[in-house]
């Protein structure tokens, strides 16, 4: 018999979470090498690889300087 907790967990959709950032010296440039809607592959630690879609590109500036980076969404 499966424990009740495992049965309850099995009823829920699995979720994958990733927290990371684009490396500062990334040679690929937004609007040159990739665009909104493109599918890119994330390569993470421990053999984690995931295809994701570029859903937005954020640009901001504060006292620490200018930053720009893509937001990625999981493919469905």
C-alpha atoms as a PDB file:
ATOM      1  CA  UNK A   1       0.000   0.000   0.000  1.00  0.00           C
ATOM      2  CA  UNK A   2       1.183   3.453  -0.856  1.00  0.00           C
ATOM      3  CA  UNK A   3       1.228   5.959   1.986  1.00  0.00           C
ATOM      4  CA  UNK A   4      -1.553   8.547   1.826  1.00  0.00           C
ATOM      5  CA  UNK A   5       0.970  11.397   1.424  1.00  0.00           C
ATOM      6  CA  UNK A   6       2.409   9.857  -1.750  1.00  0.00           C
ATOM      7  CA  UNK A   7      -1.075   9.384  -3.162  1.00  0.00           C
ATOM      8  CA  UNK A   8      -1.906  13.033  -2.449  1.00  0.00           C
ATOM      9  CA  UNK A   9       1.319  14.213  -4.107  1.00  0.00           C
ATOM     10  CA  UNK A  10       0.664  12.043  -7.156  1.00  0.00           C
ATOM     11  CA  UNK A  11      -2.562  13.984  -7.791  1.00  0.00           C
ATOM     12  CA  UNK A  12      -0.674  17.243  -8.387  1.00  0.00           C
ATOM     13  CA  UNK A  13       1.106  18.429 -11.509  1.00  0.00           C
ATOM     14  CA  UNK A  14       4.888  18.255 -11.309  1.00  0.00           C
ATOM     15  CA  UNK A  15       6.700  21.596 -11.405  1.00  0.00           C
ATOM     16  CA  UNK A  16      10.280  22.308 -12.454  1.00  0.00           C
ATOM     17  CA  UNK A  17      11.899  25.434 -11.063  1.00  0.00           C
ATOM     18  CA  UNK A  18      15.109  27.059 -12.169  1.00  0.00           C
ATOM     19  CA  UNK A  19      16.849  30.080 -10.767  1.00  0.00           C
ATOM     20  CA  UNK A  20      19.797  31.416 -12.665  1.00  0.00           C
ATOM     21  CA  UNK A  21      21.211  34.224 -14.675  1.00  0.00           C
ATOM     22  CA  UNK A  22      22.847  34.779 -18.012  1.00  0.00           C
ATOM     23  CA  UNK A  23      26.636  34.830 -17.719  1.00  0.00           C
ATOM     24  CA  UNK A  24      27.964  38.410 -17.910  1.00  0.00           C
ATOM     25  CA  UNK A  25      30.332  37.709 -20.814  1.00  0.00           C
ATOM     26  CA  UNK A  26      27.687  35.897 -22.886  1.00  0.00           C
ATOM     27  CA  UNK A  27      28.618  36.328 -26.569  1.00  0.00           C
ATOM     28  CA  UNK A  28      24.964  35.975 -27.677  1.00  0.00           C
ATOM     29  CA  UNK A  29      23.111  39.280 -27.926  1.00  0.00           C
ATOM     30  CA  UNK A  30      19.402  39.967 -27.769  1.00  0.00           C
ATOM     31  CA  UNK A  31      17.926  41.219 -31.079  1.00  0.00           C
ATOM     32  CA  UNK A  32      21.032  39.911 -32.861  1.00  0.00           C
ATOM     33  CA  UNK A  33      21.390  36.227 -31.945  1.00  0.00           C
ATOM     34  CA  UNK A  34      18.006  35.619 -30.304  1.00  0.00           C
ATOM     35  CA  UNK A  35      14.623  37.327 -30.145  1.00  0.00           C
ATOM     36  CA  UNK A  36      11.324  37.249 -28.205  1.00  0.00           C
ATOM     37  CA  UNK A  37       9.654  33.897 -28.910  1.00  0.00           C
ATOM     38  CA  UNK A  38      12.871  32.014 -29.706  1.00  0.00           C
ATOM     39  CA  UNK A  39      13.562  28.689 -28.029  1.00  0.00           C
ATOM     40  CA  UNK A  40      16.886  28.523 -26.203  1.00  0.00           C
ATOM     41  CA  UNK A  41      18.531  25.780 -24.166  1.00  0.00           C
ATOM     42  CA  UNK A  42      19.560  26.326 -20.563  1.00  0.00           C
ATOM     43  CA  UNK A  43      22.598  24.397 -19.436  1.00  0.00           C
ATOM     44  CA  UNK A  44      22.811  24.161 -15.682  1.00  0.00           C
ATOM     45  CA  UNK A  45      24.730  22.349 -13.020  1.00  0.00           C
ATOM     46  CA  UNK A  46      24.321  18.626 -12.403  1.00  0.00           C
ATOM     47  CA  UNK A  47      23.398  17.853 -16.009  1.00  0.00           C
ATOM     48  CA  UNK A  48      20.298  20.056 -16.008  1.00  0.00           C
ATOM     49  CA  UNK A  49      19.335  21.005 -19.574  1.00  0.00           C
ATOM     50  CA  UNK A  50      15.990  22.544 -20.451  1.00  0.00           C
ATOM     51  CA  UNK A  51      14.589  24.078 -23.633  1.00  0.00           C
ATOM     52  CA  UNK A  52      12.780  27.309 -22.816  1.00  0.00           C
ATOM     53  CA  UNK A  53      11.156  30.176 -24.697  1.00  0.00           C
ATOM     54  CA  UNK A  54      12.319  33.814 -24.436  1.00  0.00           C
ATOM     55  CA  UNK A  55       9.155  35.558 -23.225  1.00  0.00           C
ATOM     56  CA  UNK A  56      10.495  39.027 -22.413  1.00  0.00           C
ATOM     57  CA  UNK A  57      13.701  41.020 -22.163  1.00  0.00           C
ATOM     58  CA  UNK A  58      14.200  43.238 -19.127  1.00  0.00           C
ATOM     59  CA  UNK A  59      16.369  46.341 -19.071  1.00  0.00           C
ATOM     60  CA  UNK A  60      16.951  48.253 -15.847  1.00  0.00           C
ATOM     61  CA  UNK A  61      19.352  50.737 -14.346  1.00  0.00           C
ATOM     62  CA  UNK A  62      20.013  51.602 -10.724  1.00  0.00           C
ATOM     63  CA  UNK A  63      22.860  52.747  -8.493  1.00  0.00           C
ATOM     64  CA  UNK A  64      24.750  49.539  -9.313  1.00  0.00           C
ATOM     65  CA  UNK A  65      24.571  50.134 -13.068  1.00  0.00           C
ATOM     66  CA  UNK A  66      22.748  48.911 -16.153  1.00  0.00           C
ATOM     67  CA  UNK A  67      21.417  45.346 -16.383  1.00  0.00           C
ATOM     68  CA  UNK A  68      19.634  43.537 -19.172  1.00  0.00           C
ATOM     69  CA  UNK A  69      18.511  39.927 -19.253  1.00  0.00           C
ATOM     70  CA  UNK A  70      15.867  37.633 -20.760  1.00  0.00           C
ATOM     71  CA  UNK A  71      12.958  36.077 -18.929  1.00  0.00           C
ATOM     72  CA  UNK A  72      12.423  32.469 -19.978  1.00  0.00           C
ATOM     73  CA  UNK A  73       9.264  30.368 -19.885  1.00  0.00           C
ATOM     74  CA  UNK A  74       8.862  26.589 -19.813  1.00  0.00           C
ATOM     75  CA  UNK A  75       7.567  25.097 -23.049  1.00  0.00           C
ATOM     76  CA  UNK A  76       4.133  23.534 -22.773  1.00  0.00           C
END
